[in-house]
Amino acid sequence: MTAAPTAGPPPQRVEQKGAHRPVPRAHGEEMTVDGETEPVVVKLGVWASNTKSRRDKLTADQLAALAKLDVDWA
């Protein structure tokens, strides 16, 4: 899984829980991923932290996807 905000499960959690709730870096979320038979643990805190710290490297489409989810730093 990459840190791209338009790929993978993390944006699903943002939609479920809200973009303005802080996510502890150590937090993992069990999610169903397309193509997987069993749920996988996504390290959501790491994904959120890495994506935010690397936001200057995100494409306009990726930033727009995050903004659509109401992520205030996107």
PDB file of N, CA and C in Angstrom:
ATOM      1  N   MET A   1       0.846  -1.171   0.000  1.00  0.00           N
ATOM      2  CA  MET A   1       0.000   0.000   0.000  1.00  0.00           C
ATOM      3  C   MET A   1       0.889   1.231   0.000  1.00  0.00           C
ATOM      4  N   THR A   2       0.512   2.243  -0.723  1.00  0.00           N
ATOM      5  CA  THR A   2       1.274   3.481  -0.774  1.00  0.00           C
ATOM      6  C   THR A   2       0.605   4.538   0.090  1.00  0.00           C
ATOM      7  N   ALA A   3       1.265   5.628   0.258  1.00  0.00           N
ATOM      8  CA  ALA A   3       0.719   6.726   1.056  1.00  0.00           C
ATOM      9  C   ALA A   3      -0.177   7.635   0.233  1.00  0.00           C
ATOM     10  N   ALA A   4      -0.443   7.261  -0.994  1.00  0.00           N
ATOM     11  CA  ALA A   4      -1.299   8.080  -1.851  1.00  0.00           C
ATOM     12  C   ALA A   4      -2.689   8.185  -1.249  1.00  0.00           C
ATOM     13  N   PRO A   5      -3.205   9.391  -1.042  1.00  0.00           N
ATOM     14  CA  PRO A   5      -4.496   9.544  -0.387  1.00  0.00           C
ATOM     15  C   PRO A   5      -5.666   9.051  -1.209  1.00  0.00           C
ATOM     16  N   THR A   6      -5.483   8.797  -2.486  1.00  0.00           N
ATOM     17  CA  THR A   6      -6.595   8.313  -3.289  1.00  0.00           C
ATOM     18  C   THR A   6      -6.589   6.791  -3.385  1.00  0.00           C
ATOM     19  N   ALA A   7      -5.594   6.127  -2.804  1.00  0.00           N
ATOM     20  CA  ALA A   7      -5.501   4.679  -2.883  1.00  0.00           C
ATOM     21  C   ALA A   7      -5.605   4.080  -1.496  1.00  0.00           C
ATOM     22  N   GLY A   8      -6.178   2.892  -1.417  1.00  0.00           N
ATOM     23  CA  GLY A   8      -6.208   2.161  -0.170  1.00  0.00           C
ATOM     24  C   GLY A   8      -7.298   2.600   0.789  1.00  0.00           C
ATOM     25  N   PRO A   9      -7.402   1.916   1.894  1.00  0.00           N
ATOM     26  CA  PRO A   9      -8.483   2.107   2.841  1.00  0.00           C
ATOM     27  C   PRO A   9      -8.477   3.358   3.705  1.00  0.00           C
ATOM     28  N   PRO A  10      -7.365   4.018   4.011  1.00  0.00           N
ATOM     29  CA  PRO A  10      -7.450   5.114   4.961  1.00  0.00           C
ATOM     30  C   PRO A  10      -8.526   6.160   4.692  1.00  0.00           C
ATOM     31  N   PRO A  11      -8.741   6.611   3.458  1.00  0.00           N
ATOM     32  CA  PRO A  11      -9.818   7.592   3.263  1.00  0.00           C
ATOM     33  C   PRO A  11     -11.197   7.070   3.674  1.00  0.00           C
ATOM     34  N   GLN A  12     -11.395   5.744   3.647  1.00  0.00           N
ATOM     35  CA  GLN A  12     -12.667   5.177   4.092  1.00  0.00           C
ATOM     36  C   GLN A  12     -12.899   5.505   5.558  1.00  0.00           C
ATOM     37  N   ARG A  13     -11.843   5.407   6.365  1.00  0.00           N
ATOM     38  CA  ARG A  13     -11.991   5.703   7.784  1.00  0.00           C
ATOM     39  C   ARG A  13     -12.269   7.183   7.996  1.00  0.00           C
ATOM     40  N   VAL A  14     -11.635   8.037   7.201  1.00  0.00           N
ATOM     41  CA  VAL A  14     -11.886   9.471   7.312  1.00  0.00           C
ATOM     42  C   VAL A  14     -13.357   9.741   7.063  1.00  0.00           C
ATOM     43  N   GLU A  15     -13.931   9.076   6.071  1.00  0.00           N
ATOM     44  CA  GLU A  15     -15.350   9.251   5.782  1.00  0.00           C
ATOM     45  C   GLU A  15     -16.204   8.773   6.956  1.00  0.00           C
ATOM     46  N   GLN A  16     -15.795   7.691   7.614  1.00  0.00           N
ATOM     47  CA  GLN A  16     -16.574   7.117   8.711  1.00  0.00           C
ATOM     48  C   GLN A  16     -16.447   7.929   9.999  1.00  0.00           C
ATOM     49  N   LYS A  17     -15.230   8.358  10.332  1.00  0.00           N
ATOM     50  CA  LYS A  17     -14.965   8.959  11.639  1.00  0.00           C
ATOM     51  C   LYS A  17     -14.870  10.475  11.614  1.00  0.00           C
ATOM     52  N   GLY A  18     -14.592  11.046  10.460  1.00  0.00           N
ATOM     53  CA  GLY A  18     -14.455  12.491  10.350  1.00  0.00           C
ATOM     54  C   GLY A  18     -13.003  12.917  10.237  1.00  0.00           C
ATOM     55  N   ALA A  19     -12.762  13.934   9.467  1.00  0.00           N
ATOM     56  CA  ALA A  19     -11.402  14.380   9.182  1.00  0.00           C
ATOM     57  C   ALA A  19     -10.793  15.182  10.319  1.00  0.00           C
ATOM     58  N   HIS A  20     -11.584  15.678  11.233  1.00  0.00           N
ATOM     59  CA  HIS A  20     -11.073  16.575  12.257  1.00  0.00           C
ATOM     60  C   HIS A  20     -10.752  15.872  13.566  1.00  0.00           C
ATOM     61  N   ARG A  21     -10.821  14.561  13.571  1.00  0.00           N
ATOM     62  CA  ARG A  21     -10.466  13.807  14.770  1.00  0.00           C
ATOM     63  C   ARG A  21      -9.012  13.386  14.661  1.00  0.00           C
ATOM     64  N   PRO A  22      -8.200  13.730  15.641  1.00  0.00           N
ATOM     65  CA  PRO A  22      -6.787  13.344  15.571  1.00  0.00           C
ATOM     66  C   PRO A  22      -6.630  11.826  15.635  1.00  0.00           C
ATOM     67  N   VAL A  23      -5.646  11.332  14.901  1.00  0.00           N
ATOM     68  CA  VAL A  23      -5.367   9.898  14.867  1.00  0.00           C
ATOM     69  C   VAL A  23      -3.997   9.687  15.497  1.00  0.00           C
ATOM     70  N   PRO A  24      -3.932   8.956  16.612  1.00  0.00           N
ATOM     71  CA  PRO A  24      -2.623   8.685  17.199  1.00  0.00           C
ATOM     72  C   PRO A  24      -1.739   7.929  16.208  1.00  0.00           C
ATOM     73  N   ARG A  25      -0.463   8.247  16.169  1.00  0.00           N
ATOM     74  CA  ARG A  25       0.453   7.627  15.205  1.00  0.00           C
ATOM     75  C   ARG A  25       0.452   6.106  15.305  1.00  0.00           C
ATOM     76  N   ALA A  26       0.293   5.550  16.482  1.00  0.00           N
ATOM     77  CA  ALA A  26       0.342   4.096  16.674  1.00  0.00           C
ATOM     78  C   ALA A  26      -0.976   3.398  16.324  1.00  0.00           C
ATOM     79  N   HIS A  27      -2.005   4.149  15.963  1.00  0.00           N
ATOM     80  CA  HIS A  27      -3.319   3.547  15.721  1.00  0.00           C
ATOM     81  C   HIS A  27      -3.340   2.683  14.464  1.00  0.00           C
ATOM     82  N   GLY A  28      -3.900   1.498  14.589  1.00  0.00           N
ATOM     83  CA  GLY A  28      -4.138   0.608  13.459  1.00  0.00           C
ATOM     84  C   GLY A  28      -5.627   0.357  13.344  1.00  0.00           C
ATOM     85  N   GLU A  29      -6.095   0.208  12.146  1.00  0.00           N
ATOM     86  CA  GLU A  29      -7.523  -0.009  11.890  1.00  0.00           C
ATOM     87  C   GLU A  29      -7.667  -1.255  11.029  1.00  0.00           C
ATOM     88  N   GLU A  30      -8.478  -2.219  11.494  1.00  0.00           N
ATOM     89  CA  GLU A  30      -8.714  -3.423  10.707  1.00  0.00           C
ATOM     90  C   GLU A  30      -9.747  -3.109   9.634  1.00  0.00           C
ATOM     91  N   MET A  31      -9.382  -3.358   8.372  1.00  0.00           N
ATOM     92  CA  MET A  31     -10.252  -3.013   7.250  1.00  0.00           C
ATOM     93  C   MET A  31     -10.226  -4.098   6.195  1.00  0.00           C
ATOM     94  N   THR A  32     -11.282  -4.145   5.426  1.00  0.00           N
ATOM     95  CA  THR A  32     -11.345  -5.053   4.295  1.00  0.00           C
ATOM     96  C   THR A  32     -10.785  -4.322   3.079  1.00  0.00           C
ATOM     97  N   VAL A  33      -9.845  -4.957   2.404  1.00  0.00           N
ATOM     98  CA  VAL A  33      -9.198  -4.368   1.240  1.00  0.00           C
ATOM     99  C   VAL A  33      -9.578  -5.189   0.020  1.00  0.00           C
ATOM    100  N   ASP A  34      -9.889  -4.503  -1.083  1.00  0.00           N
ATOM    101  CA  ASP A  34     -10.228  -5.202  -2.322  1.00  0.00           C
ATOM    102  C   ASP A  34      -9.148  -6.211  -2.673  1.00  0.00           C
ATOM    103  N   GLY A  35      -9.564  -7.418  -2.997  1.00  0.00           N
ATOM    104  CA  GLY A  35      -8.636  -8.456  -3.404  1.00  0.00           C
ATOM    105  C   GLY A  35      -8.113  -9.305  -2.257  1.00  0.00           C
ATOM    106  N   GLU A  36      -8.370  -8.909  -1.025  1.00  0.00           N
ATOM    107  CA  GLU A  36      -7.923  -9.671   0.138  1.00  0.00           C
ATOM    108  C   GLU A  36      -9.094 -10.476   0.693  1.00  0.00           C
ATOM    109  N   THR A  37      -8.824 -11.701   1.128  1.00  0.00           N
ATOM    110  CA  THR A  37      -9.892 -12.538   1.689  1.00  0.00           C
ATOM    111  C   THR A  37     -10.126 -12.245   3.158  1.00  0.00           C
ATOM    112  N   GLU A  38      -9.101 -11.800   3.855  1.00  0.00           N
ATOM    113  CA  GLU A  38      -9.204 -11.488   5.280  1.00  0.00           C
ATOM    114  C   GLU A  38      -8.976  -9.991   5.492  1.00  0.00           C
ATOM    115  N   PRO A  39      -9.575  -9.436   6.537  1.00  0.00           N
ATOM    116  CA  PRO A  39      -9.277  -8.031   6.847  1.00  0.00           C
ATOM    117  C   PRO A  39      -7.793  -7.858   7.165  1.00  0.00           C
ATOM    118  N   VAL A  40      -7.273  -6.688   6.871  1.00  0.00           N
ATOM    119  CA  VAL A  40      -5.882  -6.373   7.164  1.00  0.00           C
ATOM    120  C   VAL A  40      -5.838  -5.177   8.116  1.00  0.00           C
ATOM    121  N   VAL A  41      -4.763  -5.085   8.878  1.00  0.00           N
ATOM    122  CA  VAL A  41      -4.593  -3.943   9.768  1.00  0.00           C
ATOM    123  C   VAL A  41      -3.843  -2.859   9.004  1.00  0.00           C
ATOM    124  N   VAL A  42      -4.474  -1.719   8.884  1.00  0.00           N
ATOM    125  CA  VAL A  42      -3.878  -0.566   8.226  1.00  0.00           C
ATOM    126  C   VAL A  42      -3.370   0.356   9.324  1.00  0.00           C
ATOM    127  N   LYS A  43      -2.122   0.734   9.238  1.00  0.00           N
ATOM    128  CA  LYS A  43      -1.530   1.627  10.230  1.00  0.00           C
ATOM    129  C   LYS A  43      -1.939   3.058   9.887  1.00  0.00           C
ATOM    130  N   LEU A  44      -3.145   3.388  10.267  1.00  0.00           N
ATOM    131  CA  LEU A  44      -3.746   4.652   9.873  1.00  0.00           C
ATOM    132  C   LEU A  44      -2.993   5.856  10.422  1.00  0.00           C
ATOM    133  N   GLY A  45      -2.523   5.762  11.657  1.00  0.00           N
ATOM    134  CA  GLY A  45      -1.782   6.878  12.232  1.00  0.00           C
ATOM    135  C   GLY A  45      -0.518   7.181  11.461  1.00  0.00           C
ATOM    136  N   VAL A  46       0.181   6.140  11.035  1.00  0.00           N
ATOM    137  CA  VAL A  46       1.402   6.314  10.244  1.00  0.00           C
ATOM    138  C   VAL A  46       1.044   6.906   8.886  1.00  0.00           C
ATOM    139  N   TRP A  47      -0.002   6.380   8.267  1.00  0.00           N
ATOM    140  CA  TRP A  47      -0.435   6.887   6.954  1.00  0.00           C
ATOM    141  C   TRP A  47      -0.776   8.382   7.040  1.00  0.00           C
ATOM    142  N   ALA A  48      -1.556   8.756   8.055  1.00  0.00           N
ATOM    143  CA  ALA A  48      -1.972  10.151   8.188  1.00  0.00           C
ATOM    144  C   ALA A  48      -0.767  11.058   8.442  1.00  0.00           C
ATOM    145  N   SER A  49       0.103  10.632   9.334  1.00  0.00           N
ATOM    146  CA  SER A  49       1.289  11.432   9.651  1.00  0.00           C
ATOM    147  C   SER A  49       2.202  11.587   8.439  1.00  0.00           C
ATOM    148  N   ASN A  50       2.475  10.485   7.749  1.00  0.00           N
ATOM    149  CA  ASN A  50       3.342  10.539   6.571  1.00  0.00           C
ATOM    150  C   ASN A  50       2.731  11.370   5.453  1.00  0.00           C
ATOM    151  N   THR A  51       1.440  11.203   5.227  1.00  0.00           N
ATOM    152  CA  THR A  51       0.773  11.946   4.155  1.00  0.00           C
ATOM    153  C   THR A  51       0.806  13.441   4.447  1.00  0.00           C
ATOM    154  N   LYS A  52       0.537  13.802   5.694  1.00  0.00           N
ATOM    155  CA  LYS A  52       0.549  15.215   6.048  1.00  0.00           C
ATOM    156  C   LYS A  52       1.956  15.799   5.914  1.00  0.00           C
ATOM    157  N   SER A  53       2.959  15.079   6.393  1.00  0.00           N
ATOM    158  CA  SER A  53       4.320  15.619   6.340  1.00  0.00           C
ATOM    159  C   SER A  53       4.873  15.669   4.919  1.00  0.00           C
ATOM    160  N   ARG A  54       4.317  14.878   4.022  1.00  0.00           N
ATOM    161  CA  ARG A  54       4.778  14.850   2.625  1.00  0.00           C
ATOM    162  C   ARG A  54       3.785  15.499   1.663  1.00  0.00           C
ATOM    163  N   ARG A  55       2.891  16.308   2.196  1.00  0.00           N
ATOM    164  CA  ARG A  55       1.821  16.871   1.360  1.00  0.00           C
ATOM    165  C   ARG A  55       2.342  17.716   0.205  1.00  0.00           C
ATOM    166  N   ASP A  56       3.542  18.277   0.346  1.00  0.00           N
ATOM    167  CA  ASP A  56       4.097  19.076  -0.749  1.00  0.00           C
ATOM    168  C   ASP A  56       4.466  18.217  -1.956  1.00  0.00           C
ATOM    169  N   LYS A  57       4.495  16.893  -1.788  1.00  0.00           N
ATOM    170  CA  LYS A  57       4.808  15.979  -2.887  1.00  0.00           C
ATOM    171  C   LYS A  57       3.553  15.343  -3.487  1.00  0.00           C
ATOM    172  N   LEU A  58       2.378  15.654  -2.942  1.00  0.00           N
ATOM    173  CA  LEU A  58       1.136  15.083  -3.458  1.00  0.00           C
ATOM    174  C   LEU A  58       0.709  15.801  -4.735  1.00  0.00           C
ATOM    175  N   THR A  59       0.041  15.049  -5.594  1.00  0.00           N
ATOM    176  CA  THR A  59      -0.473  15.649  -6.822  1.00  0.00           C
ATOM    177  C   THR A  59      -1.708  16.497  -6.508  1.00  0.00           C
ATOM    178  N   ALA A  60      -2.091  17.315  -7.447  1.00  0.00           N
ATOM    179  CA  ALA A  60      -3.297  18.129  -7.286  1.00  0.00           C
ATOM    180  C   ALA A  60      -4.522  17.240  -7.090  1.00  0.00           C
ATOM    181  N   ASP A  61      -4.584  16.115  -7.800  1.00  0.00           N
ATOM    182  CA  ASP A  61      -5.715  15.189  -7.658  1.00  0.00           C
ATOM    183  C   ASP A  61      -5.757  14.576  -6.257  1.00  0.00           C
ATOM    184  N   GLN A  62      -4.589  14.234  -5.722  1.00  0.00           N
ATOM    185  CA  GLN A  62      -4.525  13.658  -4.384  1.00  0.00           C
ATOM    186  C   GLN A  62      -4.946  14.687  -3.330  1.00  0.00           C
ATOM    187  N   LEU A  63      -4.471  15.911  -3.473  1.00  0.00           N
ATOM    188  CA  LEU A  63      -4.874  16.972  -2.545  1.00  0.00           C
ATOM    189  C   LEU A  63      -6.366  17.254  -2.647  1.00  0.00           C
ATOM    190  N   ALA A  64      -6.892  17.221  -3.860  1.00  0.00           N
ATOM    191  CA  ALA A  64      -8.331  17.442  -4.054  1.00  0.00           C
ATOM    192  C   ALA A  64      -9.144  16.331  -3.393  1.00  0.00           C
ATOM    193  N   ALA A  65      -8.662  15.093  -3.484  1.00  0.00           N
ATOM    194  CA  ALA A  65      -9.359  13.968  -2.853  1.00  0.00           C
ATOM    195  C   ALA A  65      -9.395  14.142  -1.335  1.00  0.00           C
ATOM    196  N   LEU A  66      -8.285  14.594  -0.755  1.00  0.00           N
ATOM    197  CA  LEU A  66      -8.253  14.838   0.676  1.00  0.00           C
ATOM    198  C   LEU A  66      -9.153  16.018   1.053  1.00  0.00           C
ATOM    199  N   ALA A  67      -9.119  17.068   0.258  1.00  0.00           N
ATOM    200  CA  ALA A  67      -9.972  18.226   0.528  1.00  0.00           C
ATOM    201  C   ALA A  67     -11.444  17.845   0.454  1.00  0.00           C
ATOM    202  N   LYS A  68     -11.775  16.949  -0.472  1.00  0.00           N
ATOM    203  CA  LYS A  68     -13.163  16.480  -0.593  1.00  0.00           C
ATOM    204  C   LYS A  68     -13.599  15.745   0.667  1.00  0.00           C
ATOM    205  N   LEU A  69     -12.642  15.110   1.357  1.00  0.00           N
ATOM    206  CA  LEU A  69     -12.931  14.436   2.618  1.00  0.00           C
ATOM    207  C   LEU A  69     -12.889  15.393   3.796  1.00  0.00           C
ATOM    208  N   ASP A  70     -12.709  16.689   3.509  1.00  0.00           N
ATOM    209  CA  ASP A  70     -12.688  17.763   4.505  1.00  0.00           C
ATOM    210  C   ASP A  70     -11.454  17.695   5.411  1.00  0.00           C
ATOM    211  N   VAL A  71     -10.338  17.258   4.848  1.00  0.00           N
ATOM    212  CA  VAL A  71      -9.065  17.277   5.564  1.00  0.00           C
ATOM    213  C   VAL A  71      -8.533  18.695   5.476  1.00  0.00           C
ATOM    214  N   ASP A  72      -8.449  19.380   6.624  1.00  0.00           N
ATOM    215  CA  ASP A  72      -8.170  20.810   6.596  1.00  0.00           C
ATOM    216  C   ASP A  72      -6.765  21.190   6.122  1.00  0.00           C
ATOM    217  N   TRP A  73      -5.779  20.306   6.216  1.00  0.00           N
ATOM    218  CA  TRP A  73      -4.430  20.652   5.784  1.00  0.00           C
ATOM    219  C   TRP A  73      -4.184  20.327   4.320  1.00  0.00           C
ATOM    220  N   ALA A  74      -5.151  19.760   3.636  1.00  0.00           N
ATOM    221  CA  ALA A  74      -4.965  19.363   2.226  1.00  0.00           C
ATOM    222  C   ALA A  74      -5.011  20.550   1.292  1.00  0.00           C
TER     223      ALA A  74
END
